[in-house]
Amino acid sequence: MPDASNPASTRGTSYIVACSTGFRDRVTRLAARRGASPADLARAVLLLVDPEQLGRVQDPGEPAPGDREAIELRSGASKGRTLKRKPRIQMRLPAGYRDTDLRRALALALQMAEGEAELSVVTASDRKAEAAVDRARDGLATENDTLRQLVADLATPVLARGITSRADALFVLGFPPSTVPDATMIKRRWRRLAVIYHPDSAFGDHDRMSQLNLALSRLMG
């Protein structure tokens, strides 16, 4: 990027930037709509966007081999002769830019005009608020991990042999072996545990949910 502290670097330089016909035409149309020139569009982006961020914009690149424009020579010994050359955008900007920088700047200008990218103003307060949100998110993640561990510690173990008796079914649903719960109690307990262990929940456990269903079926059968 040009060094603004160096007078030589801010002296205007003529750039001829090769690009595809389609890209050039889109830039030309945007400049016309804005009452500006392609150089104005590039200059605005280069002044406002950090070089590192600009480097993340995909370079549209040079034109394909078959993408050429016909130019008729209007002076000199070859006057009237037609030549084919790469499509290009001519701009006058401070010295020191690369063609890739200028194509990226124009590409970003197009993206912003078409709603595919935007510039945002981030203040110190915004950054502090974002940092606070990140800390809260990290704290919530830690709390969730702790809660998952507590749920795992408090849960009755999955019976490796499956449910082979009424006592097994009572155990899986968290009832003491001597309990004789009625249908309402059984369904209420199953619903509470299903909220926790359903595979779609935060603490989902397919095997445990399967045993809950088997226990319900055994006790209600």
C-alpha atoms as a PDB file:
ATOM      1  CA  MET A   1       0.000   0.000   0.000  1.00  0.00           C
ATOM      2  CA  PRO A   2       1.224   3.561  -0.610  1.00  0.00           C
ATOM      3  CA  ASP A   3       2.961   5.404   2.224  1.00  0.00           C
ATOM      4  CA  ALA A   4       1.007   8.629   2.799  1.00  0.00           C
ATOM      5  CA  SER A   5       4.022  10.156   4.604  1.00  0.00           C
ATOM      6  CA  ASN A   6       6.073   9.882   1.425  1.00  0.00           C
ATOM      7  CA  PRO A   7       5.124  12.610  -1.114  1.00  0.00           C
ATOM      8  CA  ALA A   8       6.358  10.465  -3.995  1.00  0.00           C
ATOM      9  CA  SER A   9       3.981   7.665  -3.039  1.00  0.00           C
ATOM     10  CA  THR A  10       0.893   9.933  -3.210  1.00  0.00           C
ATOM     11  CA  ARG A  11       1.729  11.325  -6.637  1.00  0.00           C
ATOM     12  CA  GLY A  12      -0.834  10.219  -9.195  1.00  0.00           C
ATOM     13  CA  THR A  13       0.034   7.178 -11.276  1.00  0.00           C
ATOM     14  CA  SER A  14      -1.880   5.816 -14.238  1.00  0.00           C
ATOM     15  CA  TYR A  15      -2.952   2.203 -13.801  1.00  0.00           C
ATOM     16  CA  ILE A  16      -4.175  -0.066 -16.576  1.00  0.00           C
ATOM     17  CA  VAL A  17      -5.793  -3.000 -14.801  1.00  0.00           C
ATOM     18  CA  ALA A  18      -6.675  -6.015 -16.927  1.00  0.00           C
ATOM     19  CA  CYS A  19      -9.969  -7.687 -16.028  1.00  0.00           C
ATOM     20  CA  SER A  20     -12.860  -9.530 -17.620  1.00  0.00           C
ATOM     21  CA  THR A  21     -15.295  -7.672 -19.849  1.00  0.00           C
ATOM     22  CA  GLY A  22     -18.170  -8.486 -17.493  1.00  0.00           C
ATOM     23  CA  PHE A  23     -16.310  -7.163 -14.454  1.00  0.00           C
ATOM     24  CA  ARG A  24     -15.284  -3.976 -16.238  1.00  0.00           C
ATOM     25  CA  ASP A  25     -18.842  -3.336 -17.404  1.00  0.00           C
ATOM     26  CA  ARG A  26     -20.280  -3.841 -13.918  1.00  0.00           C
ATOM     27  CA  VAL A  27     -17.726  -1.428 -12.439  1.00  0.00           C
ATOM     28  CA  THR A  28     -18.414   1.126 -15.179  1.00  0.00           C
ATOM     29  CA  ARG A  29     -22.172   0.945 -14.596  1.00  0.00           C
ATOM     30  CA  LEU A  30     -21.768   1.306 -10.827  1.00  0.00           C
ATOM     31  CA  ALA A  31     -19.479   4.322 -11.255  1.00  0.00           C
ATOM     32  CA  ALA A  32     -22.016   5.940 -13.591  1.00  0.00           C
ATOM     33  CA  ARG A  33     -24.843   5.381 -11.092  1.00  0.00           C
ATOM     34  CA  ARG A  34     -22.769   6.974  -8.352  1.00  0.00           C
ATOM     35  CA  GLY A  35     -21.690   9.921 -10.517  1.00  0.00           C
ATOM     36  CA  ALA A  36     -18.094   8.853  -9.997  1.00  0.00           C
ATOM     37  CA  SER A  37     -15.233   7.098 -11.770  1.00  0.00           C
ATOM     38  CA  PRO A  38     -13.789   3.608 -11.225  1.00  0.00           C
ATOM     39  CA  ALA A  39     -10.824   5.331  -9.576  1.00  0.00           C
ATOM     40  CA  ASP A  40     -13.173   7.015  -7.095  1.00  0.00           C
ATOM     41  CA  LEU A  41     -14.718   3.644  -6.197  1.00  0.00           C
ATOM     42  CA  ALA A  42     -11.325   2.012  -5.717  1.00  0.00           C
ATOM     43  CA  ARG A  43      -9.972   4.978  -3.726  1.00  0.00           C
ATOM     44  CA  ALA A  44     -12.921   4.937  -1.319  1.00  0.00           C
ATOM     45  CA  VAL A  45     -12.453   1.251  -0.568  1.00  0.00           C
ATOM     46  CA  LEU A  46      -8.684   1.496  -0.260  1.00  0.00           C
ATOM     47  CA  LEU A  47      -9.005   4.370   2.224  1.00  0.00           C
ATOM     48  CA  LEU A  48     -11.642   2.692   4.397  1.00  0.00           C
ATOM     49  CA  VAL A  49     -10.785  -1.009   4.350  1.00  0.00           C
ATOM     50  CA  ASP A  50      -7.827  -2.466   6.185  1.00  0.00           C
ATOM     51  CA  PRO A  51      -5.298  -4.120   3.796  1.00  0.00           C
ATOM     52  CA  GLU A  52      -5.585  -7.421   5.667  1.00  0.00           C
ATOM     53  CA  GLN A  53      -9.360  -7.440   5.247  1.00  0.00           C
ATOM     54  CA  LEU A  54      -9.073  -6.429   1.609  1.00  0.00           C
ATOM     55  CA  GLY A  55      -6.726  -9.358   1.092  1.00  0.00           C
ATOM     56  CA  ARG A  56      -9.588 -11.708   2.004  1.00  0.00           C
ATOM     57  CA  VAL A  57     -11.653 -10.486  -0.944  1.00  0.00           C
ATOM     58  CA  GLN A  58     -11.357 -12.821  -3.917  1.00  0.00           C
ATOM     59  CA  ASP A  59      -9.409 -11.294  -6.791  1.00  0.00           C
ATOM     60  CA  PRO A  60     -11.637 -11.372  -9.912  1.00  0.00           C
ATOM     61  CA  GLY A  61      -8.460 -12.018 -11.879  1.00  0.00           C
ATOM     62  CA  GLU A  62      -7.421 -11.260 -15.423  1.00  0.00           C
ATOM     63  CA  PRO A  63      -9.660 -11.993 -18.411  1.00  0.00           C
ATOM     64  CA  ALA A  64      -9.884 -15.467 -19.888  1.00  0.00           C
ATOM     65  CA  PRO A  65      -7.770 -16.121 -23.029  1.00  0.00           C
ATOM     66  CA  GLY A  66     -10.757 -15.650 -25.328  1.00  0.00           C
ATOM     67  CA  ASP A  67     -11.994 -12.484 -23.627  1.00  0.00           C
ATOM     68  CA  ARG A  68     -10.623  -9.675 -25.796  1.00  0.00           C
ATOM     69  CA  GLU A  69     -11.908  -6.332 -27.078  1.00  0.00           C
ATOM     70  CA  ALA A  70     -11.389  -4.896 -30.561  1.00  0.00           C
ATOM     71  CA  ILE A  71      -9.708  -1.492 -30.737  1.00  0.00           C
ATOM     72  CA  GLU A  72      -9.331   0.554 -33.929  1.00  0.00           C
ATOM     73  CA  LEU A  73      -6.115   2.576 -34.118  1.00  0.00           C
ATOM     74  CA  ARG A  74      -6.885   6.215 -34.875  1.00  0.00           C
ATOM     75  CA  SER A  75      -3.447   7.652 -35.513  1.00  0.00           C
ATOM     76  CA  GLY A  76       0.033   6.782 -36.682  1.00  0.00           C
ATOM     77  CA  ALA A  77       1.190   4.566 -39.494  1.00  0.00           C
ATOM     78  CA  SER A  78      -1.250   1.815 -38.442  1.00  0.00           C
ATOM     79  CA  LYS A  79      -4.274   4.145 -38.379  1.00  0.00           C
ATOM     80  CA  GLY A  80      -7.464   2.231 -39.149  1.00  0.00           C
ATOM     81  CA  ARG A  81      -6.016  -1.090 -38.133  1.00  0.00           C
ATOM     82  CA  THR A  82      -8.009  -3.137 -35.595  1.00  0.00           C
ATOM     83  CA  LEU A  83      -6.223  -4.751 -32.674  1.00  0.00           C
ATOM     84  CA  LYS A  84      -7.473  -7.119 -30.017  1.00  0.00           C
ATOM     85  CA  ARG A  85      -6.439  -6.509 -26.424  1.00  0.00           C
ATOM     86  CA  LYS A  86      -7.364  -7.537 -22.909  1.00  0.00           C
ATOM     87  CA  PRO A  87     -10.352  -5.691 -21.421  1.00  0.00           C
ATOM     88  CA  ARG A  88      -9.123  -3.144 -18.908  1.00  0.00           C
ATOM     89  CA  ILE A  89      -9.986  -0.418 -16.444  1.00  0.00           C
ATOM     90  CA  GLN A  90      -7.832   2.708 -16.491  1.00  0.00           C
ATOM     91  CA  MET A  91      -7.445   4.664 -13.256  1.00  0.00           C
ATOM     92  CA  ARG A  92      -5.251   7.362 -11.805  1.00  0.00           C
ATOM     93  CA  LEU A  93      -4.354   6.730  -8.174  1.00  0.00           C
ATOM     94  CA  PRO A  94      -1.378   7.175  -5.829  1.00  0.00           C
ATOM     95  CA  ALA A  95       1.617   5.034  -6.718  1.00  0.00           C
ATOM     96  CA  GLY A  96       2.314   1.718  -5.059  1.00  0.00           C
ATOM     97  CA  TYR A  97      -0.796  -0.376  -5.630  1.00  0.00           C
ATOM     98  CA  ARG A  98      -0.806  -3.766  -7.303  1.00  0.00           C
ATOM     99  CA  ASP A  99      -3.366  -4.722  -9.906  1.00  0.00           C
ATOM    100  CA  THR A 100      -4.685  -7.355  -7.501  1.00  0.00           C
ATOM    101  CA  ASP A 101      -5.263  -4.639  -4.860  1.00  0.00           C
ATOM    102  CA  LEU A 102      -7.263  -2.548  -7.303  1.00  0.00           C
ATOM    103  CA  ARG A 103      -9.346  -5.440  -8.632  1.00  0.00           C
ATOM    104  CA  ARG A 104     -10.150  -6.531  -5.069  1.00  0.00           C
ATOM    105  CA  ALA A 105     -11.116  -2.964  -4.116  1.00  0.00           C
ATOM    106  CA  LEU A 106     -13.467  -2.705  -7.093  1.00  0.00           C
ATOM    107  CA  ALA A 107     -14.872  -6.169  -6.410  1.00  0.00           C
ATOM    108  CA  LEU A 108     -15.648  -5.131  -2.832  1.00  0.00           C
ATOM    109  CA  ALA A 109     -17.299  -1.944  -4.074  1.00  0.00           C
ATOM    110  CA  LEU A 110     -19.554  -4.088  -6.275  1.00  0.00           C
ATOM    111  CA  GLN A 111     -20.337  -6.458  -3.409  1.00  0.00           C
ATOM    112  CA  MET A 112     -21.340  -3.568  -1.161  1.00  0.00           C
ATOM    113  CA  ALA A 113     -23.469  -1.999  -3.885  1.00  0.00           C
ATOM    114  CA  GLU A 114     -25.218  -5.338  -4.469  1.00  0.00           C
ATOM    115  CA  GLY A 115     -25.811  -6.011  -0.768  1.00  0.00           C
ATOM    116  CA  GLU A 116     -23.333  -8.904  -0.555  1.00  0.00           C
ATOM    117  CA  ALA A 117     -20.982  -7.053   1.836  1.00  0.00           C
ATOM    118  CA  GLU A 118     -21.138  -4.024   4.079  1.00  0.00           C
ATOM    119  CA  LEU A 119     -18.912  -1.747   6.097  1.00  0.00           C
ATOM    120  CA  SER A 120     -19.784  -1.381   9.762  1.00  0.00           C
ATOM    121  CA  VAL A 121     -18.638   1.073  12.388  1.00  0.00           C
ATOM    122  CA  VAL A 122     -17.420  -0.731  15.504  1.00  0.00           C
ATOM    123  CA  THR A 123     -16.800   1.458  18.539  1.00  0.00           C
ATOM    124  CA  ALA A 124     -14.869   0.658  21.707  1.00  0.00           C
ATOM    125  CA  SER A 125     -18.220   0.193  23.455  1.00  0.00           C
ATOM    126  CA  ASP A 126     -19.273  -2.298  20.770  1.00  0.00           C
ATOM    127  CA  ARG A 127     -16.093  -4.304  21.291  1.00  0.00           C
ATOM    128  CA  LYS A 128     -16.619  -4.328  25.057  1.00  0.00           C
ATOM    129  CA  ALA A 129     -20.200  -5.502  24.595  1.00  0.00           C
ATOM    130  CA  GLU A 130     -19.077  -8.275  22.229  1.00  0.00           C
ATOM    131  CA  ALA A 131     -16.400  -9.339  24.723  1.00  0.00           C
ATOM    132  CA  ALA A 132     -19.037  -9.466  27.488  1.00  0.00           C
ATOM    133  CA  VAL A 133     -21.293 -11.620  25.299  1.00  0.00           C
ATOM    134  CA  ASP A 134     -18.382 -13.961  24.540  1.00  0.00           C
ATOM    135  CA  ARG A 135     -17.587 -14.284  28.264  1.00  0.00           C
ATOM    136  CA  ALA A 136     -21.230 -14.977  29.055  1.00  0.00           C
ATOM    137  CA  ARG A 137     -21.357 -17.586  26.283  1.00  0.00           C
ATOM    138  CA  ASP A 138     -18.217 -19.267  27.620  1.00  0.00           C
ATOM    139  CA  GLY A 139     -19.676 -19.232  31.135  1.00  0.00           C
ATOM    140  CA  LEU A 140     -22.921 -20.736  29.899  1.00  0.00           C
ATOM    141  CA  ALA A 141     -21.041 -23.483  28.075  1.00  0.00           C
ATOM    142  CA  THR A 142     -19.147 -24.318  31.279  1.00  0.00           C
ATOM    143  CA  GLU A 143     -22.393 -24.319  33.254  1.00  0.00           C
ATOM    144  CA  ASN A 144     -24.018 -26.633  30.715  1.00  0.00           C
ATOM    145  CA  ASP A 145     -21.074 -29.026  30.918  1.00  0.00           C
ATOM    146  CA  THR A 146     -21.390 -29.066  34.706  1.00  0.00           C
ATOM    147  CA  LEU A 147     -25.139 -29.651  34.471  1.00  0.00           C
ATOM    148  CA  ARG A 148     -24.645 -32.532  32.040  1.00  0.00           C
ATOM    149  CA  GLN A 149     -22.195 -34.125  34.448  1.00  0.00           C
ATOM    150  CA  LEU A 150     -24.638 -33.728  37.337  1.00  0.00           C
ATOM    151  CA  VAL A 151     -27.438 -35.296  35.305  1.00  0.00           C
ATOM    152  CA  ALA A 152     -25.140 -38.177  34.382  1.00  0.00           C
ATOM    153  CA  ASP A 153     -24.107 -38.676  38.020  1.00  0.00           C
ATOM    154  CA  LEU A 154     -27.697 -38.664  39.283  1.00  0.00           C
ATOM    155  CA  ALA A 155     -29.142 -40.864  36.549  1.00  0.00           C
ATOM    156  CA  THR A 156     -29.877 -44.511  37.220  1.00  0.00           C
ATOM    157  CA  PRO A 157     -27.576 -46.750  35.171  1.00  0.00           C
ATOM    158  CA  VAL A 158     -28.763 -48.341  31.955  1.00  0.00           C
ATOM    159  CA  LEU A 159     -29.474 -52.011  32.685  1.00  0.00           C
ATOM    160  CA  ALA A 160     -27.167 -54.093  30.525  1.00  0.00           C
ATOM    161  CA  ARG A 161     -29.488 -57.095  30.745  1.00  0.00           C
ATOM    162  CA  GLY A 162     -32.498 -55.013  29.756  1.00  0.00           C
ATOM    163  CA  ILE A 163     -35.791 -54.936  31.628  1.00  0.00           C
ATOM    164  CA  THR A 164     -36.679 -58.472  32.680  1.00  0.00           C
ATOM    165  CA  SER A 165     -38.965 -57.782  35.628  1.00  0.00           C
ATOM    166  CA  ARG A 166     -41.340 -55.298  37.220  1.00  0.00           C
ATOM    167  CA  ALA A 167     -38.576 -54.402  39.702  1.00  0.00           C
ATOM    168  CA  ASP A 168     -36.330 -53.476  36.778  1.00  0.00           C
ATOM    169  CA  ALA A 169     -39.035 -51.226  35.345  1.00  0.00           C
ATOM    170  CA  LEU A 170     -39.536 -49.489  38.708  1.00  0.00           C
ATOM    171  CA  PHE A 171     -35.774 -49.010  39.028  1.00  0.00           C
ATOM    172  CA  VAL A 172     -35.468 -47.421  35.568  1.00  0.00           C
ATOM    173  CA  LEU A 173     -38.270 -44.960  36.384  1.00  0.00           C
ATOM    174  CA  GLY A 174     -36.722 -44.137  39.760  1.00  0.00           C
ATOM    175  CA  PHE A 175     -39.280 -45.853  42.040  1.00  0.00           C
ATOM    176  CA  PRO A 176     -38.235 -47.917  45.082  1.00  0.00           C
ATOM    177  CA  PRO A 177     -38.741 -51.684  44.520  1.00  0.00           C
ATOM    178  CA  SER A 178     -41.597 -51.865  47.027  1.00  0.00           C
ATOM    179  CA  THR A 179     -43.561 -48.997  45.447  1.00  0.00           C
ATOM    180  CA  VAL A 180     -46.885 -49.714  43.798  1.00  0.00           C
ATOM    181  CA  PRO A 181     -47.421 -46.551  41.725  1.00  0.00           C
ATOM    182  CA  ASP A 182     -50.686 -46.019  39.916  1.00  0.00           C
ATOM    183  CA  ALA A 183     -50.945 -45.244  36.193  1.00  0.00           C
ATOM    184  CA  THR A 184     -50.962 -41.464  36.774  1.00  0.00           C
ATOM    185  CA  MET A 185     -47.734 -41.591  38.816  1.00  0.00           C
ATOM    186  CA  ILE A 186     -46.057 -43.835  36.254  1.00  0.00           C
ATOM    187  CA  LYS A 187     -46.955 -41.608  33.304  1.00  0.00           C
ATOM    188  CA  ARG A 188     -45.966 -38.443  35.186  1.00  0.00           C
ATOM    189  CA  ARG A 189     -42.546 -39.911  36.066  1.00  0.00           C
ATOM    190  CA  TRP A 190     -42.009 -41.153  32.508  1.00  0.00           C
ATOM    191  CA  ARG A 191     -42.854 -37.708  31.053  1.00  0.00           C
ATOM    192  CA  ARG A 192     -40.425 -35.943  33.400  1.00  0.00           C
ATOM    193  CA  LEU A 193     -37.586 -38.288  32.545  1.00  0.00           C
ATOM    194  CA  ALA A 194     -38.423 -38.236  28.825  1.00  0.00           C
ATOM    195  CA  VAL A 195     -37.975 -34.448  28.794  1.00  0.00           C
ATOM    196  CA  ILE A 196     -34.397 -35.012  29.967  1.00  0.00           C
ATOM    197  CA  TYR A 197     -33.393 -38.100  28.020  1.00  0.00           C
ATOM    198  CA  HIS A 198     -35.244 -37.724  24.722  1.00  0.00           C
ATOM    199  CA  PRO A 199     -32.601 -37.837  21.931  1.00  0.00           C
ATOM    200  CA  ASP A 200     -33.622 -34.340  20.756  1.00  0.00           C
ATOM    201  CA  SER A 201     -32.966 -32.727  24.163  1.00  0.00           C
ATOM    202  CA  ALA A 202     -29.694 -31.208  25.378  1.00  0.00           C
ATOM    203  CA  PHE A 203     -29.057 -34.308  27.533  1.00  0.00           C
ATOM    204  CA  GLY A 204     -30.481 -36.823  25.065  1.00  0.00           C
ATOM    205  CA  ASP A 205     -29.597 -40.468  25.583  1.00  0.00           C
ATOM    206  CA  HIS A 206     -31.005 -42.982  23.102  1.00  0.00           C
ATOM    207  CA  ASP A 207     -30.299 -46.072  25.217  1.00  0.00           C
ATOM    208  CA  ARG A 208     -31.780 -44.581  28.383  1.00  0.00           C
ATOM    209  CA  MET A 209     -34.859 -43.349  26.492  1.00  0.00           C
ATOM    210  CA  SER A 210     -35.374 -46.822  25.053  1.00  0.00           C
ATOM    211  CA  GLN A 211     -35.336 -48.323  28.566  1.00  0.00           C
ATOM    212  CA  LEU A 212     -37.758 -45.663  29.799  1.00  0.00           C
ATOM    213  CA  ASN A 213     -40.172 -46.696  27.041  1.00  0.00           C
ATOM    214  CA  LEU A 214     -39.752 -50.381  27.892  1.00  0.00           C
ATOM    215  CA  ALA A 215     -40.292 -49.645  31.594  1.00  0.00           C
ATOM    216  CA  LEU A 216     -43.472 -47.718  30.834  1.00  0.00           C
ATOM    217  CA  SER A 217     -44.740 -50.533  28.664  1.00  0.00           C
ATOM    218  CA  ARG A 218     -43.953 -53.156  31.343  1.00  0.00           C
ATOM    219  CA  LEU A 219     -45.673 -51.258  34.155  1.00  0.00           C
ATOM    220  CA  MET A 220     -48.691 -50.218  32.113  1.00  0.00           C
ATOM    221  CA  GLY A 221     -49.148 -53.590  30.447  1.00  0.00           C
END
